[in-house]
N, C-alpha and C. Protein backbone atom coordinates (compact mmCIF):
# COMPACT_ATOMS: atom_id res chain seq x y z
N MET A 1 -2.53 71.27 11.13
CA MET A 1 -2.84 70.05 11.70
C MET A 1 -3.31 69.81 12.87
N GLN A 2 -4.24 69.49 13.55
CA GLN A 2 -4.78 69.62 14.66
C GLN A 2 -4.01 68.54 15.33
N GLU A 3 -3.80 68.45 16.80
CA GLU A 3 -3.33 67.54 17.33
C GLU A 3 -4.10 66.55 17.47
N LEU A 4 -3.94 64.86 17.65
CA LEU A 4 -5.57 64.21 18.24
C LEU A 4 -4.76 63.57 19.20
N ARG A 5 -5.35 63.88 20.50
CA ARG A 5 -5.29 63.92 21.58
C ARG A 5 -6.35 62.22 21.70
N PRO A 6 -5.95 61.92 22.67
CA PRO A 6 -6.23 60.40 23.86
C PRO A 6 -7.81 59.91 23.81
N GLY A 7 -8.22 61.36 23.93
CA GLY A 7 -9.44 61.23 24.48
C GLY A 7 -10.56 61.39 22.63
N ARG A 8 -9.65 61.86 21.65
CA ARG A 8 -10.62 62.38 20.69
C ARG A 8 -10.04 60.96 20.27
N LEU A 9 -9.33 60.59 20.08
CA LEU A 9 -9.17 59.23 19.37
C LEU A 9 -9.83 57.84 20.37
N VAL A 10 -10.29 58.19 21.15
CA VAL A 10 -10.79 56.86 21.85
C VAL A 10 -12.34 56.91 21.46
N LEU A 11 -13.23 58.53 21.05
CA LEU A 11 -13.88 58.28 20.52
C LEU A 11 -14.60 57.99 19.28
N ILE A 12 -12.82 58.40 18.62
CA ILE A 12 -13.08 58.22 16.81
C ILE A 12 -13.16 56.35 16.92
N LEU A 13 -12.25 55.70 17.76
CA LEU A 13 -12.02 54.22 17.59
C LEU A 13 -13.39 53.78 18.18
N LEU A 14 -14.39 54.56 19.24
CA LEU A 14 -15.94 53.88 19.81
C LEU A 14 -16.58 54.12 18.60
N GLY A 15 -16.71 55.43 18.08
CA GLY A 15 -17.76 55.21 17.22
C GLY A 15 -17.62 55.06 15.70
N THR A 16 -16.66 54.19 15.25
CA THR A 16 -16.13 53.57 14.07
C THR A 16 -16.17 51.67 14.99
N ALA A 17 -16.30 51.61 15.92
CA ALA A 17 -16.82 50.16 16.27
C ALA A 17 -18.31 50.00 16.39
N LEU A 18 -18.98 50.87 16.71
CA LEU A 18 -20.88 51.56 16.69
C LEU A 18 -20.92 51.25 14.97
N LEU A 19 -19.93 51.55 14.35
CA LEU A 19 -21.38 51.74 13.18
C LEU A 19 -20.80 50.24 12.34
N GLY A 20 -19.67 50.29 13.02
CA GLY A 20 -19.25 48.77 12.35
C GLY A 20 -20.32 47.68 12.71
N ALA A 21 -20.63 47.81 14.42
CA ALA A 21 -21.63 46.81 15.00
C ALA A 21 -23.08 46.79 13.67
N ALA A 22 -23.04 48.19 13.50
CA ALA A 22 -25.25 48.76 13.16
C ALA A 22 -25.26 48.10 11.65
N LEU A 23 -23.43 48.27 11.28
CA LEU A 23 -23.64 47.80 9.44
C LEU A 23 -23.98 46.20 9.34
N ALA A 24 -23.12 45.45 10.96
CA ALA A 24 -23.48 44.51 10.61
C ALA A 24 -25.03 43.66 10.63
N GLN A 25 -25.96 44.42 11.80
CA GLN A 25 -26.64 44.01 12.39
C GLN A 25 -27.86 44.39 11.03
N GLU A 26 -27.85 45.14 10.11
CA GLU A 26 -28.78 45.48 8.96
C GLU A 26 -28.49 44.05 7.75
N ARG A 27 -26.70 43.97 8.21
CA ARG A 27 -26.86 42.61 7.25
C ARG A 27 -26.59 41.06 7.63
N PRO A 28 -27.61 40.61 7.88
CA PRO A 28 -27.65 39.11 8.50
C PRO A 28 -26.34 38.00 8.07
N SER A 29 -26.15 37.24 8.37
CA SER A 29 -25.58 36.15 8.08
C SER A 29 -26.07 35.39 8.03
N PRO A 30 -25.16 34.95 6.83
CA PRO A 30 -26.40 33.89 5.69
C PRO A 30 -26.46 32.71 6.38
N PRO A 31 -27.42 32.03 6.66
CA PRO A 31 -27.77 30.82 6.74
C PRO A 31 -26.62 29.58 6.75
N THR A 32 -26.34 28.61 7.00
CA THR A 32 -25.44 27.37 6.97
C THR A 32 -26.73 26.53 6.51
N GLU A 33 -27.40 26.07 6.99
CA GLU A 33 -28.52 25.17 6.77
C GLU A 33 -29.81 25.34 6.45
N ASN A 34 -30.63 24.41 5.30
CA ASN A 34 -31.59 24.70 5.24
C ASN A 34 -32.73 24.77 6.66
N LYS A 35 -33.86 25.70 5.91
CA LYS A 35 -34.67 25.69 7.42
C LYS A 35 -36.26 25.81 6.73
N GLY A 36 -37.36 24.59 7.26
CA GLY A 36 -38.16 25.00 7.18
C GLY A 36 -38.45 25.28 6.18
N ILE A 37 -37.84 24.39 5.36
CA ILE A 37 -38.02 24.33 3.45
C ILE A 37 -38.60 22.79 3.19
N LYS A 38 -39.81 22.33 2.19
CA LYS A 38 -40.04 21.38 1.28
C LYS A 38 -40.05 22.09 0.07
N ALA A 39 -39.52 20.90 -0.46
CA ALA A 39 -39.50 20.82 -2.14
C ALA A 39 -39.28 19.82 -3.04
N PRO A 40 -40.51 19.38 -2.63
CA PRO A 40 -41.03 17.46 -3.48
C PRO A 40 -40.29 18.15 -5.01
N VAL A 41 -39.99 16.59 -6.00
CA VAL A 41 -39.81 16.87 -7.37
C VAL A 41 -41.20 16.90 -7.97
N LEU A 42 -41.73 17.94 -8.58
CA LEU A 42 -42.56 17.50 -9.20
C LEU A 42 -42.78 16.51 -10.77
N THR A 43 -41.47 16.70 -11.67
CA THR A 43 -41.61 16.22 -12.36
C THR A 43 -40.08 16.12 -12.91
N SER A 44 -39.05 15.64 -13.49
CA SER A 44 -37.88 15.65 -14.02
C SER A 44 -37.35 14.47 -15.16
N LEU A 45 -36.90 15.26 -16.18
CA LEU A 45 -36.46 14.14 -17.57
C LEU A 45 -35.02 14.05 -17.36
N ASP A 46 -34.06 12.65 -17.43
CA ASP A 46 -33.37 12.36 -18.33
C ASP A 46 -32.29 13.45 -19.15
N LEU A 47 -32.26 14.20 -19.27
CA LEU A 47 -30.99 14.97 -20.83
C LEU A 47 -29.73 14.22 -21.63
N GLY A 48 -29.55 13.22 -20.51
CA GLY A 48 -29.07 12.53 -21.42
C GLY A 48 -29.06 11.84 -23.02
N PRO A 49 -30.32 11.26 -22.86
CA PRO A 49 -30.93 10.90 -23.97
C PRO A 49 -31.92 11.58 -25.00
N GLU A 50 -31.98 12.94 -24.39
CA GLU A 50 -32.47 14.03 -25.43
C GLU A 50 -31.69 15.73 -26.12
N ILE A 51 -30.15 15.25 -25.11
CA ILE A 51 -29.21 16.05 -25.53
C ILE A 51 -27.79 16.11 -25.46
N GLU A 52 -27.37 15.54 -27.22
CA GLU A 52 -25.88 15.54 -26.82
C GLU A 52 -24.79 16.12 -26.33
N GLY A 53 -24.44 15.62 -25.04
CA GLY A 53 -23.66 15.87 -24.38
C GLY A 53 -23.41 16.48 -22.90
N MET A 54 -25.21 16.07 -22.85
CA MET A 54 -25.82 16.25 -21.52
C MET A 54 -26.33 14.90 -20.47
N GLN A 55 -24.86 14.28 -21.02
CA GLN A 55 -25.42 12.94 -19.57
C GLN A 55 -24.87 13.42 -18.51
N GLY A 56 -25.53 12.53 -17.50
CA GLY A 56 -26.07 12.90 -15.97
C GLY A 56 -26.28 14.20 -15.68
N ARG A 57 -26.91 14.89 -16.41
CA ARG A 57 -27.92 15.71 -16.15
C ARG A 57 -29.09 15.80 -15.75
N GLN A 58 -29.94 15.94 -15.62
CA GLN A 58 -31.82 16.01 -15.15
C GLN A 58 -32.04 17.28 -15.41
N LEU A 59 -33.01 17.89 -15.67
CA LEU A 59 -34.23 18.63 -15.64
C LEU A 59 -35.12 18.19 -14.98
N ARG A 60 -35.07 19.44 -13.70
CA ARG A 60 -36.32 19.31 -12.98
C ARG A 60 -36.87 20.17 -12.44
N MET A 61 -38.50 20.00 -11.83
CA MET A 61 -38.76 21.13 -11.97
C MET A 61 -39.74 20.50 -10.09
N ARG A 62 -39.19 21.47 -9.39
CA ARG A 62 -39.70 21.48 -8.05
C ARG A 62 -40.53 22.16 -7.14
N LEU A 63 -41.46 22.07 -6.45
CA LEU A 63 -42.12 23.43 -5.79
C LEU A 63 -42.17 22.87 -4.21
N MET A 64 -41.63 24.34 -4.12
CA MET A 64 -40.40 24.58 -3.29
C MET A 64 -41.44 25.95 -2.47
N THR A 65 -41.74 25.29 -0.84
CA THR A 65 -42.00 26.14 0.23
C THR A 65 -41.57 26.75 1.22
N ILE A 66 -41.48 28.02 1.29
CA ILE A 66 -40.96 28.14 2.17
C ILE A 66 -41.19 28.62 3.98
N GLU A 67 -41.49 27.81 4.93
CA GLU A 67 -42.50 28.73 6.21
C GLU A 67 -41.89 29.78 6.43
N PRO A 68 -42.95 30.75 6.95
CA PRO A 68 -42.63 31.97 7.53
C PRO A 68 -41.09 31.68 9.02
N GLY A 69 -40.62 32.84 8.32
CA GLY A 69 -39.10 32.09 9.66
C GLY A 69 -38.16 30.95 8.93
N GLY A 70 -38.37 29.89 7.34
CA GLY A 70 -37.64 29.50 7.67
C GLY A 70 -36.35 30.42 6.17
N ALA A 71 -35.57 29.87 5.83
CA ALA A 71 -34.45 30.08 4.75
C ALA A 71 -33.78 29.10 4.00
N LEU A 72 -33.48 29.92 3.16
CA LEU A 72 -32.12 28.61 1.87
C LEU A 72 -31.33 29.03 2.27
N ALA A 73 -30.08 28.02 2.88
CA ALA A 73 -29.30 28.39 3.56
C ALA A 73 -28.28 29.31 2.25
N MET A 74 -26.85 29.24 2.19
CA MET A 74 -26.08 30.15 1.32
C MET A 74 -25.85 28.74 0.04
N HIS A 75 -25.08 28.82 -0.99
CA HIS A 75 -25.98 28.12 -1.94
C HIS A 75 -25.07 28.95 -3.68
N SER A 76 -24.41 28.18 -3.91
CA SER A 76 -23.96 28.54 -5.49
C SER A 76 -25.15 27.84 -6.45
N HIS A 77 -24.70 28.29 -7.94
CA HIS A 77 -25.54 27.68 -8.93
C HIS A 77 -24.60 27.06 -10.19
N LYS A 78 -23.39 27.37 -10.07
CA LYS A 78 -21.99 27.04 -10.33
C LYS A 78 -22.53 24.96 -10.82
N ASP A 79 -22.81 25.54 -12.29
CA ASP A 79 -23.47 24.03 -12.83
C ASP A 79 -24.85 23.13 -12.49
N ARG A 80 -25.05 24.56 -11.90
CA ARG A 80 -25.88 23.98 -11.69
C ARG A 80 -27.66 24.93 -11.79
N PRO A 81 -27.79 26.26 -13.20
CA PRO A 81 -28.42 27.61 -13.53
C PRO A 81 -30.35 26.74 -13.26
N ALA A 82 -30.63 27.65 -13.10
CA ALA A 82 -32.61 27.53 -12.06
C ALA A 82 -33.20 28.52 -12.72
N LEU A 83 -34.71 28.78 -12.45
CA LEU A 83 -35.35 29.80 -12.64
C LEU A 83 -36.49 29.43 -11.57
N ALA A 84 -36.78 30.89 -11.41
CA ALA A 84 -37.94 30.42 -10.19
C ALA A 84 -38.68 31.18 -10.62
N TYR A 85 -40.45 30.87 -9.98
CA TYR A 85 -41.36 31.70 -10.38
C TYR A 85 -42.40 31.84 -8.66
N LEU A 86 -42.60 32.81 -7.95
CA LEU A 86 -42.98 33.05 -6.85
C LEU A 86 -44.89 33.23 -7.03
N LEU A 87 -45.24 31.77 -6.46
CA LEU A 87 -47.31 31.75 -7.29
C LEU A 87 -47.69 32.72 -5.67
N HIS A 88 -46.57 32.09 -4.63
CA HIS A 88 -47.52 32.70 -3.22
C HIS A 88 -46.44 33.65 -2.42
N GLY A 89 -46.72 34.55 -1.92
CA GLY A 89 -46.21 35.09 -0.09
C GLY A 89 -44.95 35.97 -0.99
N THR A 90 -44.41 36.47 0.14
CA THR A 90 -42.77 36.54 -0.22
C THR A 90 -41.68 35.90 0.27
N LEU A 91 -40.28 36.40 -0.82
CA LEU A 91 -39.47 35.44 -0.73
C LEU A 91 -38.19 37.19 -0.55
N THR A 92 -36.93 37.28 0.29
CA THR A 92 -36.64 37.59 0.18
C THR A 92 -35.18 36.95 0.38
N GLU A 93 -33.90 37.21 -1.00
CA GLU A 93 -32.73 36.95 -2.10
C GLU A 93 -32.07 37.93 -1.62
N THR A 94 -30.84 37.06 -0.98
CA THR A 94 -29.49 37.85 -0.76
C THR A 94 -28.46 37.21 -1.48
N ARG A 95 -28.34 38.35 -2.05
CA ARG A 95 -26.65 37.50 -3.38
C ARG A 95 -25.25 37.91 -2.63
N GLU A 96 -24.53 36.93 -3.18
CA GLU A 96 -23.07 37.24 -2.65
C GLU A 96 -22.63 38.80 -2.74
N GLY A 97 -22.36 39.29 -2.35
CA GLY A 97 -21.41 40.89 -2.47
C GLY A 97 -22.72 42.10 -2.01
N GLY A 98 -24.11 40.82 -1.16
CA GLY A 98 -25.01 41.73 -0.09
C GLY A 98 -26.12 42.92 -1.22
N GLU A 99 -26.67 42.30 -2.95
CA GLU A 99 -27.24 43.08 -3.27
C GLU A 99 -28.62 41.81 -2.57
N VAL A 100 -29.99 43.18 -2.07
CA VAL A 100 -31.19 42.17 -2.13
C VAL A 100 -32.06 42.44 -2.86
N SER A 101 -32.83 41.54 -2.52
CA SER A 101 -34.38 41.68 -3.69
C SER A 101 -35.66 40.62 -2.93
N GLU A 102 -36.35 41.40 -3.44
CA GLU A 102 -37.52 41.21 -2.31
C GLU A 102 -38.48 40.27 -3.81
N HIS A 103 -38.90 38.98 -4.02
CA HIS A 103 -39.53 38.85 -4.44
C HIS A 103 -41.16 38.82 -4.48
N LYS A 104 -41.93 39.04 -4.60
CA LYS A 104 -43.10 38.97 -4.61
C LYS A 104 -44.42 37.81 -5.42
N GLU A 105 -45.69 37.49 -4.94
CA GLU A 105 -46.11 37.00 -5.93
C GLU A 105 -46.33 37.53 -7.62
N GLY A 106 -46.40 36.16 -8.20
CA GLY A 106 -45.87 36.39 -9.68
C GLY A 106 -44.64 36.99 -10.22
N ASP A 107 -43.29 37.14 -8.97
CA ASP A 107 -42.01 37.33 -9.81
C ASP A 107 -41.76 36.46 -10.26
N SER A 108 -40.46 36.86 -11.32
CA SER A 108 -39.68 35.52 -11.47
C SER A 108 -38.40 36.36 -11.81
N TRP A 109 -36.82 35.21 -11.54
CA TRP A 109 -35.91 35.45 -12.02
C TRP A 109 -35.31 34.31 -12.35
N ALA A 110 -33.87 34.87 -13.01
CA ALA A 110 -32.94 34.08 -13.21
C ALA A 110 -31.67 33.38 -12.08
N GLU A 111 -30.70 31.91 -11.97
CA GLU A 111 -30.05 32.38 -10.90
C GLU A 111 -29.06 31.36 -12.26
N GLY A 112 -28.14 31.23 -12.62
CA GLY A 112 -27.20 31.36 -13.27
C GLY A 112 -25.96 31.25 -12.97
N LYS A 113 -24.49 30.43 -13.45
CA LYS A 113 -23.22 29.74 -13.30
C LYS A 113 -22.56 31.24 -12.20
N THR A 114 -23.02 32.73 -12.00
CA THR A 114 -22.52 33.36 -11.03
C THR A 114 -22.80 33.87 -10.02
N THR A 115 -24.65 32.82 -10.20
CA THR A 115 -25.38 33.50 -8.59
C THR A 115 -24.21 32.75 -7.39
N LYS A 116 -24.67 33.37 -6.28
CA LYS A 116 -24.11 32.65 -5.36
C LYS A 116 -24.96 33.31 -3.98
N HIS A 117 -26.07 33.21 -3.56
CA HIS A 117 -27.00 33.46 -2.85
C HIS A 117 -27.73 32.50 -1.22
N TRP A 118 -28.84 33.29 -0.84
CA TRP A 118 -29.29 32.38 0.16
C TRP A 118 -30.90 33.17 0.30
N ALA A 119 -31.76 32.92 0.86
CA ALA A 119 -33.14 33.62 0.81
C ALA A 119 -33.61 32.86 1.74
N GLU A 120 -34.52 34.09 2.51
CA GLU A 120 -35.22 33.69 3.82
C GLU A 120 -36.23 34.55 3.24
N ASN A 121 -37.36 33.96 4.45
CA ASN A 121 -39.02 34.40 4.35
C ASN A 121 -39.56 34.66 5.35
N ARG A 122 -39.74 35.88 4.91
CA ARG A 122 -39.54 37.16 6.95
C ARG A 122 -41.21 36.97 6.72
N GLY A 123 -41.93 37.02 5.87
CA GLY A 123 -43.33 37.44 5.90
C GLY A 123 -44.07 36.38 6.67
N THR A 124 -45.18 36.56 7.25
CA THR A 124 -46.18 35.43 7.14
C THR A 124 -47.08 34.32 7.35
N VAL A 125 -46.76 34.43 6.03
CA VAL A 125 -47.50 33.44 4.67
C VAL A 125 -46.34 32.59 4.65
N PRO A 126 -46.64 31.34 4.11
CA PRO A 126 -45.38 30.42 3.32
C PRO A 126 -45.19 30.77 2.23
N ALA A 127 -43.92 31.28 1.75
CA ALA A 127 -43.59 31.53 0.62
C ALA A 127 -43.88 30.27 -0.20
N VAL A 128 -43.84 30.75 -1.54
CA VAL A 128 -44.44 28.96 -2.69
C VAL A 128 -43.82 29.16 -3.92
N ALA A 129 -43.11 29.00 -4.17
CA ALA A 129 -42.78 29.00 -5.64
C ALA A 129 -42.41 27.74 -6.70
N VAL A 130 -42.74 27.71 -7.85
CA VAL A 130 -41.92 26.47 -8.68
C VAL A 130 -40.67 27.25 -9.12
N VAL A 131 -40.00 26.34 -9.29
CA VAL A 131 -38.26 26.24 -9.15
C VAL A 131 -37.80 25.25 -10.19
N VAL A 132 -37.37 25.19 -11.47
CA VAL A 132 -36.89 24.72 -12.40
C VAL A 132 -35.36 24.83 -12.47
N ASP A 133 -34.45 23.41 -12.16
CA ASP A 133 -32.98 23.70 -12.47
C ASP A 133 -32.95 22.73 -13.35
N VAL A 134 -31.24 22.94 -13.54
CA VAL A 134 -30.68 21.77 -14.84
C VAL A 134 -29.83 21.32 -13.79
N PHE A 135 -30.10 19.50 -12.93
CA PHE A 135 -29.21 19.38 -12.23
C PHE A 135 -28.56 18.05 -12.65
N LYS A 136 -26.86 18.29 -12.04
CA LYS A 136 -26.19 17.37 -11.97
C LYS A 136 -26.54 16.01 -11.15
N GLN A 137 -26.51 14.85 -11.65
CA GLN A 137 -27.39 13.34 -10.87
C GLN A 137 -25.86 12.79 -10.69
């Protein structure tokens, strides 16, 4: 086994630190606040009178617009399943664990109870999506 000299140890530690810094730059920290987002409710329905056991829940449809450079903060869909359909622009979604998806016009996706994620608009035009969720009032 080769002896580990102090100079070689310093190089190994420096290389490890630089690699860690590079990886951290590739994976940005999730935002903690929404930025550049409008999401008016288009329509909603109180599910209590519609479905037994759904008291206090609402089915709602929103038109979500995320401006270029805007971001939707890290959030969970536990107790709030959702569906989304992107009408315009592109949206970069990052799920807990590092899975990144680039959504483009015409893409749709589901967000279930295990979904914890955030999204950002890295494009040059607003990202506009129809979002439907079961919301706890």
